[in-house]
Amino acid sequence: PMMISSSILLLLNWSDTMMLGYYLEESQVGIYNICMKIVMITSLVLFSINSIVAPKISFAYNNNNITDFKNIIKSSTKYIFYLTLPIILSITLFPDFLLSLFSIKNNLANQTLFILLSGQVIAALSGSVGIILQMTGYQKSFQYILFCALISNIIINFILIPKYEMLGAAIASTFSIMFWNLCSVFFVYKYHNVLTFYSYDK
């Protein structure tokens, strides 16, 4: 199941580009890919922290140390949010500058960038939900969530790309990211009674 989940995530990352390539010219697909790459910088924090907390989550859960288990989840969510926030703000405040590095001056590209960024904001707020489900024996649940996200992504792309082009692909990508993250947040809460979605507390 974990291998299948990784494969589905890979397909989710590429489905928009493949479908755009079918409908649009190469130049537009290239612009979309650059927008995606800029936005994916925000994921570096999530991937880094996931690699650190995965064994800790597994160890605490399998040793029935529920207090440590919940504390690790809450602290990792907090770190992900605060370390990702500067990257999100930088992209939000300087989209024209970032796109100009790739010689792109296109209002459609700006809109695409912001739509894609909104999905990454939800991912940052949701925390290490995928890792939590996979490290605690619920990898099949995570696999089913990702599969539903992939199907919805393909359907929305098919409907929106012919009409809205890059924006349609960005909407499909953002919806699928929000869908699997928020569903995972729900199931982590259901299985472990811990809310991973970030909320400020003193």
N, C-alpha and C. Protein backbone atom coordinates (compact mmCIF):
# COMPACT_ATOMS: atom_id res chain seq x y z
N PRO A 1 0.79 -1.23 0.00
CA PRO A 1 0.00 0.00 0.00
C PRO A 1 0.83 1.29 0.00
N MET A 2 1.97 1.27 0.71
CA MET A 2 2.80 2.48 0.75
C MET A 2 3.43 2.75 -0.61
N MET A 3 3.81 1.68 -1.32
CA MET A 3 4.36 1.85 -2.66
C MET A 3 3.29 2.39 -3.61
N ILE A 4 2.07 1.87 -3.49
CA ILE A 4 0.97 2.33 -4.33
C ILE A 4 0.65 3.79 -4.03
N SER A 5 0.67 4.16 -2.75
CA SER A 5 0.40 5.56 -2.37
C SER A 5 1.44 6.49 -2.98
N SER A 6 2.70 6.08 -2.93
CA SER A 6 3.77 6.90 -3.53
C SER A 6 3.57 7.04 -5.04
N SER A 7 3.13 5.96 -5.66
CA SER A 7 2.89 5.99 -7.11
C SER A 7 1.73 6.92 -7.45
N ILE A 8 0.68 6.88 -6.64
CA ILE A 8 -0.47 7.75 -6.87
C ILE A 8 -0.09 9.22 -6.69
N LEU A 9 0.72 9.49 -5.67
CA LEU A 9 1.19 10.86 -5.47
C LEU A 9 1.99 11.36 -6.66
N LEU A 10 2.80 10.47 -7.22
CA LEU A 10 3.58 10.83 -8.40
C LEU A 10 2.66 11.14 -9.58
N LEU A 11 1.62 10.32 -9.75
CA LEU A 11 0.65 10.56 -10.83
C LEU A 11 -0.10 11.87 -10.60
N LEU A 12 -0.42 12.16 -9.35
CA LEU A 12 -1.10 13.43 -9.03
C LEU A 12 -0.26 14.62 -9.44
N ASN A 13 1.04 14.51 -9.23
CA ASN A 13 1.94 15.61 -9.57
C ASN A 13 2.10 15.80 -11.08
N TRP A 14 1.88 14.72 -11.84
CA TRP A 14 2.12 14.78 -13.28
C TRP A 14 0.85 14.81 -14.13
N SER A 15 -0.29 14.47 -13.54
CA SER A 15 -1.53 14.36 -14.34
C SER A 15 -1.91 15.68 -14.99
N ASP A 16 -1.74 16.79 -14.27
CA ASP A 16 -2.08 18.11 -14.83
C ASP A 16 -1.23 18.40 -16.06
N THR A 17 0.07 18.18 -15.93
CA THR A 17 0.99 18.46 -17.03
C THR A 17 0.69 17.59 -18.24
N MET A 18 0.41 16.30 -18.01
CA MET A 18 0.12 15.40 -19.12
C MET A 18 -1.16 15.80 -19.85
N MET A 19 -2.17 16.19 -19.09
CA MET A 19 -3.44 16.58 -19.72
C MET A 19 -3.32 17.95 -20.39
N LEU A 20 -2.54 18.85 -19.80
CA LEU A 20 -2.28 20.13 -20.46
C LEU A 20 -1.56 19.92 -21.79
N GLY A 21 -0.62 18.99 -21.79
CA GLY A 21 0.13 18.70 -23.01
C GLY A 21 -0.76 18.19 -24.13
N TYR A 22 -1.86 17.55 -23.76
CA TYR A 22 -2.80 17.05 -24.76
C TYR A 22 -3.62 18.18 -25.38
N TYR A 23 -3.98 19.17 -24.53
CA TYR A 23 -4.89 20.23 -24.98
C TYR A 23 -4.18 21.50 -25.47
N LEU A 24 -3.01 21.82 -24.89
CA LEU A 24 -2.40 23.12 -25.14
C LEU A 24 -1.04 23.02 -25.81
N GLU A 25 -0.51 24.18 -26.21
CA GLU A 25 0.81 24.24 -26.82
C GLU A 25 1.89 24.03 -25.77
N GLU A 26 3.08 23.66 -26.23
CA GLU A 26 4.19 23.36 -25.33
C GLU A 26 4.59 24.57 -24.48
N SER A 27 4.49 25.77 -25.05
CA SER A 27 4.88 26.97 -24.30
C SER A 27 4.02 27.17 -23.07
N GLN A 28 2.73 26.91 -23.18
CA GLN A 28 1.83 27.07 -22.04
C GLN A 28 2.07 25.98 -20.99
N VAL A 29 2.36 24.79 -21.47
CA VAL A 29 2.68 23.70 -20.54
C VAL A 29 3.96 24.04 -19.78
N GLY A 30 4.91 24.63 -20.46
CA GLY A 30 6.16 25.04 -19.82
C GLY A 30 5.94 26.09 -18.75
N ILE A 31 5.08 27.07 -19.04
CA ILE A 31 4.77 28.11 -18.05
C ILE A 31 4.11 27.50 -16.83
N TYR A 32 3.17 26.59 -17.06
CA TYR A 32 2.49 25.92 -15.95
C TYR A 32 3.48 25.14 -15.08
N ASN A 33 4.40 24.44 -15.73
CA ASN A 33 5.41 23.67 -15.00
C ASN A 33 6.29 24.55 -14.14
N ILE A 34 6.63 25.73 -14.65
CA ILE A 34 7.45 26.66 -13.87
C ILE A 34 6.67 27.16 -12.66
N CYS A 35 5.39 27.49 -12.85
CA CYS A 35 4.54 27.90 -11.72
C CYS A 35 4.49 26.79 -10.67
N MET A 36 4.35 25.56 -11.14
CA MET A 36 4.30 24.42 -10.23
C MET A 36 5.61 24.26 -9.46
N LYS A 37 6.73 24.41 -10.15
CA LYS A 37 8.04 24.26 -9.51
C LYS A 37 8.25 25.35 -8.45
N ILE A 38 7.83 26.57 -8.75
CA ILE A 38 7.97 27.66 -7.77
C ILE A 38 7.17 27.35 -6.52
N VAL A 39 5.94 26.92 -6.73
CA VAL A 39 5.06 26.62 -5.60
C VAL A 39 5.56 25.42 -4.79
N MET A 40 6.15 24.44 -5.46
CA MET A 40 6.60 23.24 -4.77
C MET A 40 7.78 23.49 -3.84
N ILE A 41 8.37 24.68 -3.92
CA ILE A 41 9.43 25.04 -2.96
C ILE A 41 8.88 24.97 -1.55
N THR A 42 7.58 25.29 -1.39
CA THR A 42 6.95 25.25 -0.07
C THR A 42 6.95 23.83 0.51
N SER A 43 7.00 22.83 -0.35
CA SER A 43 6.94 21.43 0.11
C SER A 43 8.25 20.94 0.71
N LEU A 44 9.34 21.68 0.47
CA LEU A 44 10.64 21.25 0.98
C LEU A 44 10.63 21.10 2.50
N VAL A 45 9.97 22.05 3.16
CA VAL A 45 9.89 22.00 4.63
C VAL A 45 9.12 20.76 5.07
N LEU A 46 7.98 20.52 4.42
CA LEU A 46 7.15 19.36 4.77
C LEU A 46 7.91 18.05 4.58
N PHE A 47 8.58 17.92 3.45
CA PHE A 47 9.34 16.69 3.18
C PHE A 47 10.47 16.50 4.19
N SER A 48 11.14 17.60 4.53
CA SER A 48 12.27 17.51 5.47
C SER A 48 11.79 17.08 6.86
N ILE A 49 10.74 17.71 7.33
CA ILE A 49 10.23 17.39 8.68
C ILE A 49 9.63 15.98 8.70
N ASN A 50 8.96 15.60 7.61
CA ASN A 50 8.40 14.23 7.54
C ASN A 50 9.48 13.17 7.69
N SER A 51 10.64 13.41 7.07
CA SER A 51 11.73 12.44 7.15
C SER A 51 12.27 12.31 8.57
N ILE A 52 12.13 13.39 9.35
CA ILE A 52 12.60 13.38 10.74
C ILE A 52 11.59 12.74 11.67
N VAL A 53 10.31 13.13 11.51
CA VAL A 53 9.29 12.70 12.48
C VAL A 53 8.74 11.31 12.19
N ALA A 54 8.89 10.79 10.98
CA ALA A 54 8.30 9.48 10.63
C ALA A 54 8.73 8.37 11.61
N PRO A 55 10.04 8.18 11.84
CA PRO A 55 10.44 7.12 12.79
C PRO A 55 10.00 7.43 14.23
N LYS A 56 9.96 8.72 14.59
CA LYS A 56 9.54 9.09 15.95
C LYS A 56 8.06 8.78 16.16
N ILE A 57 7.25 9.08 15.15
CA ILE A 57 5.81 8.79 15.24
C ILE A 57 5.59 7.28 15.34
N SER A 58 6.30 6.53 14.51
CA SER A 58 6.16 5.07 14.52
C SER A 58 6.59 4.48 15.86
N PHE A 59 7.72 4.97 16.40
CA PHE A 59 8.24 4.46 17.67
C PHE A 59 7.27 4.75 18.82
N ALA A 60 6.80 5.99 18.90
CA ALA A 60 5.89 6.37 19.99
C ALA A 60 4.58 5.60 19.91
N TYR A 61 4.04 5.46 18.69
CA TYR A 61 2.76 4.78 18.53
C TYR A 61 2.87 3.29 18.85
N ASN A 62 3.92 2.65 18.34
CA ASN A 62 4.06 1.20 18.54
C ASN A 62 4.49 0.84 19.96
N ASN A 63 4.98 1.82 20.70
CA ASN A 63 5.29 1.60 22.12
C ASN A 63 4.18 2.12 23.03
N ASN A 64 3.06 2.46 22.39
CA ASN A 64 1.86 2.90 23.12
C ASN A 64 2.12 4.13 24.00
N ASN A 65 3.05 4.97 23.56
CA ASN A 65 3.33 6.21 24.28
C ASN A 65 2.50 7.32 23.63
N ILE A 66 1.24 7.37 24.01
CA ILE A 66 0.27 8.24 23.35
C ILE A 66 0.59 9.72 23.58
N THR A 67 1.09 10.05 24.77
CA THR A 67 1.41 11.45 25.06
C THR A 67 2.50 11.96 24.13
N ASP A 68 3.59 11.19 24.01
CA ASP A 68 4.66 11.58 23.08
C ASP A 68 4.18 11.59 21.64
N PHE A 69 3.36 10.62 21.31
CA PHE A 69 2.80 10.52 19.95
C PHE A 69 2.06 11.80 19.57
N LYS A 70 1.19 12.26 20.44
CA LYS A 70 0.41 13.48 20.16
C LYS A 70 1.28 14.72 20.18
N ASN A 71 2.24 14.76 21.09
CA ASN A 71 3.14 15.92 21.17
C ASN A 71 4.00 16.05 19.90
N ILE A 72 4.47 14.91 19.39
CA ILE A 72 5.28 14.92 18.17
C ILE A 72 4.46 15.46 17.00
N ILE A 73 3.22 15.01 16.91
CA ILE A 73 2.33 15.45 15.82
C ILE A 73 2.08 16.96 15.91
N LYS A 74 1.76 17.44 17.11
CA LYS A 74 1.45 18.86 17.27
C LYS A 74 2.67 19.74 17.03
N SER A 75 3.82 19.32 17.53
CA SER A 75 5.03 20.13 17.35
C SER A 75 5.48 20.13 15.89
N SER A 76 5.34 18.99 15.20
CA SER A 76 5.74 18.94 13.79
C SER A 76 4.84 19.82 12.94
N THR A 77 3.55 19.85 13.24
CA THR A 77 2.62 20.72 12.52
C THR A 77 3.01 22.18 12.71
N LYS A 78 3.38 22.51 13.94
CA LYS A 78 3.77 23.90 14.23
C LYS A 78 5.05 24.29 13.47
N TYR A 79 6.03 23.39 13.46
CA TYR A 79 7.27 23.66 12.74
C TYR A 79 7.02 23.81 11.23
N ILE A 80 6.20 22.92 10.70
CA ILE A 80 5.88 22.98 9.26
C ILE A 80 5.25 24.33 8.92
N PHE A 81 4.30 24.75 9.73
CA PHE A 81 3.59 26.01 9.44
C PHE A 81 4.54 27.20 9.50
N TYR A 82 5.30 27.31 10.58
CA TYR A 82 6.13 28.51 10.77
C TYR A 82 7.32 28.54 9.82
N LEU A 83 7.83 27.40 9.43
CA LEU A 83 8.96 27.38 8.49
C LEU A 83 8.50 27.57 7.04
N THR A 84 7.25 27.18 6.76
CA THR A 84 6.71 27.34 5.41
C THR A 84 6.18 28.74 5.19
N LEU A 85 5.71 29.39 6.26
CA LEU A 85 5.09 30.71 6.15
C LEU A 85 5.96 31.74 5.42
N PRO A 86 7.26 31.88 5.72
CA PRO A 86 8.09 32.85 4.98
C PRO A 86 8.15 32.57 3.48
N ILE A 87 8.17 31.30 3.10
CA ILE A 87 8.20 30.94 1.68
C ILE A 87 6.89 31.34 1.01
N ILE A 88 5.78 31.05 1.69
CA ILE A 88 4.45 31.41 1.16
C ILE A 88 4.34 32.92 0.99
N LEU A 89 4.79 33.67 2.00
CA LEU A 89 4.73 35.13 1.93
C LEU A 89 5.61 35.68 0.81
N SER A 90 6.77 35.08 0.62
CA SER A 90 7.68 35.53 -0.44
C SER A 90 7.05 35.36 -1.82
N ILE A 91 6.42 34.21 -2.02
CA ILE A 91 5.77 33.96 -3.31
C ILE A 91 4.57 34.88 -3.50
N THR A 92 3.84 35.13 -2.41
CA THR A 92 2.65 36.00 -2.47
C THR A 92 3.03 37.44 -2.77
N LEU A 93 4.12 37.91 -2.16
CA LEU A 93 4.51 39.32 -2.30
C LEU A 93 5.31 39.61 -3.57
N PHE A 94 6.04 38.60 -4.06
CA PHE A 94 6.92 38.86 -5.21
C PHE A 94 6.69 37.88 -6.37
N PRO A 95 5.44 37.69 -6.79
CA PRO A 95 5.19 36.74 -7.89
C PRO A 95 5.79 37.20 -9.21
N ASP A 96 5.71 38.51 -9.48
CA ASP A 96 6.24 39.03 -10.75
C ASP A 96 7.75 38.84 -10.83
N PHE A 97 8.42 39.08 -9.71
CA PHE A 97 9.89 38.92 -9.69
C PHE A 97 10.27 37.46 -9.92
N LEU A 98 9.59 36.54 -9.25
CA LEU A 98 9.91 35.12 -9.37
C LEU A 98 9.67 34.62 -10.80
N LEU A 99 8.56 35.05 -11.39
CA LEU A 99 8.26 34.63 -12.75
C LEU A 99 9.21 35.28 -13.76
N SER A 100 9.65 36.51 -13.45
CA SER A 100 10.57 37.20 -14.36
C SER A 100 11.93 36.51 -14.44
N LEU A 101 12.28 35.74 -13.39
CA LEU A 101 13.52 34.97 -13.42
C LEU A 101 13.52 33.95 -14.55
N PHE A 102 12.31 33.58 -14.96
CA PHE A 102 12.16 32.62 -16.07
C PHE A 102 11.63 33.31 -17.33
N SER A 103 11.74 34.66 -17.34
CA SER A 103 11.31 35.47 -18.49
C SER A 103 9.82 35.32 -18.78
N ILE A 104 9.03 35.21 -17.69
CA ILE A 104 7.58 35.08 -17.86
C ILE A 104 6.90 36.36 -17.37
N LYS A 105 6.15 36.99 -18.25
CA LYS A 105 5.34 38.15 -17.89
C LYS A 105 3.94 37.87 -18.43
N ASN A 106 3.13 37.29 -17.58
CA ASN A 106 1.84 36.77 -18.01
C ASN A 106 0.87 36.80 -16.84
N ASN A 107 -0.23 37.55 -16.99
CA ASN A 107 -1.21 37.63 -15.90
C ASN A 107 -1.81 36.26 -15.59
N LEU A 108 -1.97 35.45 -16.62
CA LEU A 108 -2.51 34.11 -16.42
C LEU A 108 -1.57 33.27 -15.56
N ALA A 109 -0.27 33.46 -15.76
CA ALA A 109 0.73 32.75 -14.95
C ALA A 109 0.64 33.18 -13.49
N ASN A 110 0.44 34.50 -13.26
CA ASN A 110 0.28 34.99 -11.89
C ASN A 110 -0.92 34.35 -11.20
N GLN A 111 -2.04 34.31 -11.91
CA GLN A 111 -3.25 33.72 -11.34
C GLN A 111 -3.05 32.23 -11.07
N THR A 112 -2.40 31.56 -12.00
CA THR A 112 -2.11 30.14 -11.83
C THR A 112 -1.24 29.91 -10.59
N LEU A 113 -0.25 30.76 -10.42
CA LEU A 113 0.66 30.66 -9.27
C LEU A 113 -0.10 30.77 -7.96
N PHE A 114 -1.01 31.74 -7.87
CA PHE A 114 -1.76 31.96 -6.63
C PHE A 114 -2.73 30.82 -6.34
N ILE A 115 -3.35 30.28 -7.39
CA ILE A 115 -4.26 29.15 -7.18
C ILE A 115 -3.49 27.94 -6.66
N LEU A 116 -2.37 27.65 -7.29
CA LEU A 116 -1.54 26.52 -6.84
C LEU A 116 -1.03 26.74 -5.42
N LEU A 117 -0.69 27.98 -5.10
CA LEU A 117 -0.17 28.29 -3.77
C LEU A 117 -1.21 28.04 -2.69
N SER A 118 -2.47 28.31 -2.99
CA SER A 118 -3.53 28.10 -1.99
C SER A 118 -3.62 26.64 -1.57
N GLY A 119 -3.36 25.74 -2.51
CA GLY A 119 -3.35 24.32 -2.16
C GLY A 119 -2.21 23.97 -1.24
N GLN A 120 -1.04 24.58 -1.47
CA GLN A 120 0.12 24.33 -0.62
C GLN A 120 -0.06 24.91 0.78
N VAL A 121 -0.84 25.98 0.88
CA VAL A 121 -1.14 26.56 2.20
C VAL A 121 -1.92 25.54 3.04
N ILE A 122 -2.92 24.92 2.42
CA ILE A 122 -3.70 23.90 3.13
C ILE A 122 -2.82 22.70 3.50
N ALA A 123 -1.91 22.33 2.60
CA ALA A 123 -1.01 21.22 2.89
C ALA A 123 -0.11 21.53 4.09
N ALA A 124 0.37 22.78 4.16
CA ALA A 124 1.23 23.19 5.27
C ALA A 124 0.45 23.21 6.58
N LEU A 125 -0.80 23.66 6.52
CA LEU A 125 -1.63 23.73 7.73
C LEU A 125 -2.05 22.34 8.22
N SER A 126 -2.10 21.39 7.30
CA SER A 126 -2.59 20.04 7.65
C SER A 126 -1.55 19.20 8.38
N GLY A 127 -0.27 19.52 8.19
CA GLY A 127 0.78 18.78 8.88
C GLY A 127 1.14 17.48 8.17
N SER A 128 1.77 16.57 8.91
CA SER A 128 2.31 15.33 8.35
C SER A 128 1.28 14.22 8.31
N VAL A 129 0.11 14.52 7.76
CA VAL A 129 -1.01 13.57 7.84
C VAL A 129 -0.72 12.25 7.13
N GLY A 130 -0.11 12.32 5.95
CA GLY A 130 0.18 11.10 5.21
C GLY A 130 1.12 10.18 5.96
N ILE A 131 2.16 10.77 6.52
CA ILE A 131 3.13 10.00 7.31
C ILE A 131 2.47 9.39 8.54
N ILE A 132 1.61 10.13 9.19
CA ILE A 132 0.94 9.63 10.40
C ILE A 132 0.11 8.39 10.07
N LEU A 133 -0.68 8.47 9.01
CA LEU A 133 -1.53 7.33 8.64
C LEU A 133 -0.68 6.13 8.24
N GLN A 134 0.40 6.38 7.52
CA GLN A 134 1.23 5.27 7.05
C GLN A 134 2.08 4.66 8.17
N MET A 135 2.47 5.45 9.14
CA MET A 135 3.31 4.94 10.23
C MET A 135 2.51 4.29 11.35
N THR A 136 1.17 4.38 11.27
CA THR A 136 0.34 3.84 12.35
C THR A 136 -0.60 2.74 11.86
N GLY A 137 -0.29 2.16 10.71
CA GLY A 137 -1.06 1.01 10.23
C GLY A 137 -2.28 1.33 9.40
N TYR A 138 -2.45 2.59 9.03
CA TYR A 138 -3.61 2.98 8.23
C TYR A 138 -3.19 3.39 6.81
N GLN A 139 -2.18 2.72 6.31
CA GLN A 139 -1.68 3.04 4.97
C GLN A 139 -2.70 2.76 3.87
N LYS A 140 -3.56 1.78 4.09
CA LYS A 140 -4.59 1.49 3.08
C LYS A 140 -5.63 2.61 3.02
N SER A 141 -5.96 3.16 4.18
CA SER A 141 -6.89 4.30 4.20
C SER A 141 -6.30 5.47 3.42
N PHE A 142 -5.01 5.71 3.63
CA PHE A 142 -4.33 6.79 2.92
C PHE A 142 -4.31 6.51 1.42
N GLN A 143 -4.10 5.26 1.07
CA GLN A 143 -4.08 4.87 -0.35
C GLN A 143 -5.44 5.17 -0.99
N TYR A 144 -6.54 4.84 -0.31
CA TYR A 144 -7.86 5.07 -0.87
C TYR A 144 -8.16 6.56 -1.01
N ILE A 145 -7.70 7.34 -0.03
CA ILE A 145 -7.88 8.80 -0.10
C ILE A 145 -7.17 9.36 -1.32
N LEU A 146 -5.93 8.94 -1.52
CA LEU A 146 -5.14 9.42 -2.67
C LEU A 146 -5.76 8.97 -3.99
N PHE A 147 -6.29 7.76 -4.02
CA PHE A 147 -6.91 7.27 -5.25
C PHE A 147 -8.13 8.13 -5.61
N CYS A 148 -8.95 8.46 -4.62
CA CYS A 148 -10.11 9.33 -4.87
C CYS A 148 -9.66 10.72 -5.33
N ALA A 149 -8.56 11.22 -4.75
CA ALA A 149 -8.02 12.52 -5.15
C ALA A 149 -7.55 12.48 -6.60
N LEU A 150 -6.91 11.37 -7.00
CA LEU A 150 -6.42 11.24 -8.37
C LEU A 150 -7.57 11.21 -9.37
N ILE A 151 -8.61 10.44 -9.06
CA ILE A 151 -9.76 10.36 -9.96
C ILE A 151 -10.43 11.72 -10.10
N SER A 152 -10.62 12.42 -8.97
CA SER A 152 -11.24 13.75 -9.02
C SER A 152 -10.37 14.73 -9.81
N ASN A 153 -9.04 14.61 -9.66
CA ASN A 153 -8.11 15.46 -10.38
C ASN A 153 -8.25 15.28 -11.89
N ILE A 154 -8.31 14.04 -12.33
CA ILE A 154 -8.44 13.75 -13.76
C ILE A 154 -9.76 14.26 -14.31
N ILE A 155 -10.85 14.05 -13.56
CA ILE A 155 -12.18 14.49 -14.01
C ILE A 155 -12.24 16.01 -14.12
N ILE A 156 -11.74 16.71 -13.08
CA ILE A 156 -11.78 18.18 -13.09
C ILE A 156 -10.88 18.74 -14.20
N ASN A 157 -9.72 18.14 -14.39
CA ASN A 157 -8.85 18.55 -15.49
C ASN A 157 -9.56 18.40 -16.83
N PHE A 158 -10.21 17.27 -17.00
CA PHE A 158 -10.91 16.98 -18.25
C PHE A 158 -12.01 18.01 -18.52
N ILE A 159 -12.67 18.47 -17.46
CA ILE A 159 -13.77 19.43 -17.61
C ILE A 159 -13.25 20.86 -17.79
N LEU A 160 -12.23 21.24 -17.01
CA LEU A 160 -11.82 22.65 -16.95
C LEU A 160 -10.72 23.06 -17.92
N ILE A 161 -9.79 22.17 -18.23
CA ILE A 161 -8.67 22.57 -19.09
C ILE A 161 -9.11 23.09 -20.47
N PRO A 162 -10.04 22.41 -21.16
CA PRO A 162 -10.45 22.93 -22.48
C PRO A 162 -11.00 24.35 -22.42
N LYS A 163 -11.61 24.73 -21.31
CA LYS A 163 -12.23 26.06 -21.20
C LYS A 163 -11.30 27.08 -20.55
N TYR A 164 -10.61 26.67 -19.47
CA TYR A 164 -9.83 27.63 -18.69
C TYR A 164 -8.32 27.43 -18.81
N GLU A 165 -7.89 26.44 -19.56
CA GLU A 165 -6.48 26.19 -19.83
C GLU A 165 -5.67 26.01 -18.53
N MET A 166 -4.61 26.81 -18.34
CA MET A 166 -3.74 26.65 -17.16
C MET A 166 -4.51 26.80 -15.85
N LEU A 167 -5.45 27.74 -15.83
CA LEU A 167 -6.23 27.96 -14.61
C LEU A 167 -7.04 26.72 -14.25
N GLY A 168 -7.57 26.04 -15.27
CA GLY A 168 -8.32 24.82 -15.02
C GLY A 168 -7.45 23.74 -14.40
N ALA A 169 -6.24 23.60 -14.91
CA ALA A 169 -5.30 22.62 -14.36
C ALA A 169 -4.92 22.97 -12.92
N ALA A 170 -4.71 24.27 -12.67
CA ALA A 170 -4.35 24.73 -11.33
C ALA A 170 -5.49 24.47 -10.34
N ILE A 171 -6.72 24.70 -10.77
CA ILE A 171 -7.89 24.46 -9.91
C ILE A 171 -7.99 22.97 -9.60
N ALA A 172 -7.79 22.12 -10.60
CA ALA A 172 -7.85 20.67 -10.40
C ALA A 172 -6.78 20.21 -9.43
N SER A 173 -5.56 20.71 -9.61
CA SER A 173 -4.45 20.34 -8.74
C SER A 173 -4.70 20.79 -7.30
N THR A 174 -5.17 22.03 -7.16
CA THR A 174 -5.43 22.59 -5.83
C THR A 174 -6.54 21.83 -5.13
N PHE A 175 -7.59 21.51 -5.86
CA PHE A 175 -8.70 20.75 -5.26
C PHE A 175 -8.23 19.39 -4.76
N SER A 176 -7.44 18.69 -5.57
CA SER A 176 -6.99 17.36 -5.17
C SER A 176 -6.08 17.41 -3.96
N ILE A 177 -5.20 18.43 -3.90
CA ILE A 177 -4.31 18.59 -2.74
C ILE A 177 -5.12 18.87 -1.48
N MET A 178 -6.07 19.80 -1.60
CA MET A 178 -6.93 20.12 -0.45
C MET A 178 -7.74 18.90 -0.02
N PHE A 179 -8.24 18.17 -1.01
CA PHE A 179 -9.08 17.01 -0.72
C PHE A 179 -8.34 15.96 0.08
N TRP A 180 -7.15 15.55 -0.42
CA TRP A 180 -6.48 14.45 0.28
C TRP A 180 -5.89 14.89 1.62
N ASN A 181 -5.48 16.15 1.73
CA ASN A 181 -4.97 16.63 3.01
C ASN A 181 -6.07 16.74 4.06
N LEU A 182 -7.20 17.34 3.69
CA LEU A 182 -8.29 17.52 4.66
C LEU A 182 -8.95 16.20 5.02
N CYS A 183 -9.07 15.30 4.05
CA CYS A 183 -9.59 13.95 4.36
C CYS A 183 -8.65 13.23 5.32
N SER A 184 -7.35 13.37 5.09
CA SER A 184 -6.37 12.74 5.97
C SER A 184 -6.41 13.33 7.37
N VAL A 185 -6.60 14.65 7.46
CA VAL A 185 -6.76 15.30 8.77
C VAL A 185 -7.94 14.68 9.51
N PHE A 186 -9.04 14.50 8.79
CA PHE A 186 -10.25 13.91 9.40
C PHE A 186 -9.98 12.49 9.91
N PHE A 187 -9.32 11.67 9.09
CA PHE A 187 -9.09 10.28 9.48
C PHE A 187 -8.06 10.16 10.60
N VAL A 188 -7.06 11.03 10.63
CA VAL A 188 -6.12 11.03 11.75
C VAL A 188 -6.86 11.35 13.04
N TYR A 189 -7.77 12.32 12.96
CA TYR A 189 -8.57 12.67 14.16
C TYR A 189 -9.49 11.51 14.55
N LYS A 190 -10.07 10.87 13.55
CA LYS A 190 -10.98 9.75 13.81
C LYS A 190 -10.25 8.57 14.46
N TYR A 191 -9.07 8.23 13.94
CA TYR A 191 -8.33 7.06 14.43
C TYR A 191 -7.55 7.33 15.71
N HIS A 192 -7.03 8.56 15.85
CA HIS A 192 -6.09 8.84 16.95
C HIS A 192 -6.54 9.95 17.89
N ASN A 193 -7.66 10.58 17.58
CA ASN A 193 -8.20 11.65 18.43
C ASN A 193 -7.18 12.79 18.62
N VAL A 194 -6.49 13.13 17.55
CA VAL A 194 -5.57 14.26 17.59
C VAL A 194 -5.76 15.07 16.31
N LEU A 195 -5.93 16.38 16.47
CA LEU A 195 -6.16 17.26 15.33
C LEU A 195 -4.82 17.78 14.82
N THR A 196 -4.49 17.40 13.59
CA THR A 196 -3.21 17.84 13.03
C THR A 196 -3.28 19.23 12.43
N PHE A 197 -4.48 19.68 12.06
CA PHE A 197 -4.61 20.98 11.40
C PHE A 197 -4.15 22.08 12.35
N TYR A 198 -3.25 22.94 11.86
CA TYR A 198 -2.62 23.93 12.73
C TYR A 198 -3.64 24.93 13.28
N SER A 199 -3.54 25.18 14.58
CA SER A 199 -4.31 26.25 15.21
C SER A 199 -3.41 26.94 16.22
N TYR A 200 -3.46 28.24 16.26
CA TYR A 200 -2.56 29.00 17.14
C TYR A 200 -2.95 28.81 18.60
N ASP A 201 -1.98 28.49 19.41
CA ASP A 201 -2.19 28.46 20.86
C ASP A 201 -0.92 28.96 21.54
N LYS A 202 -1.08 29.64 22.63
CA LYS A 202 0.05 30.23 23.33
C LYS A 202 0.81 29.16 24.11
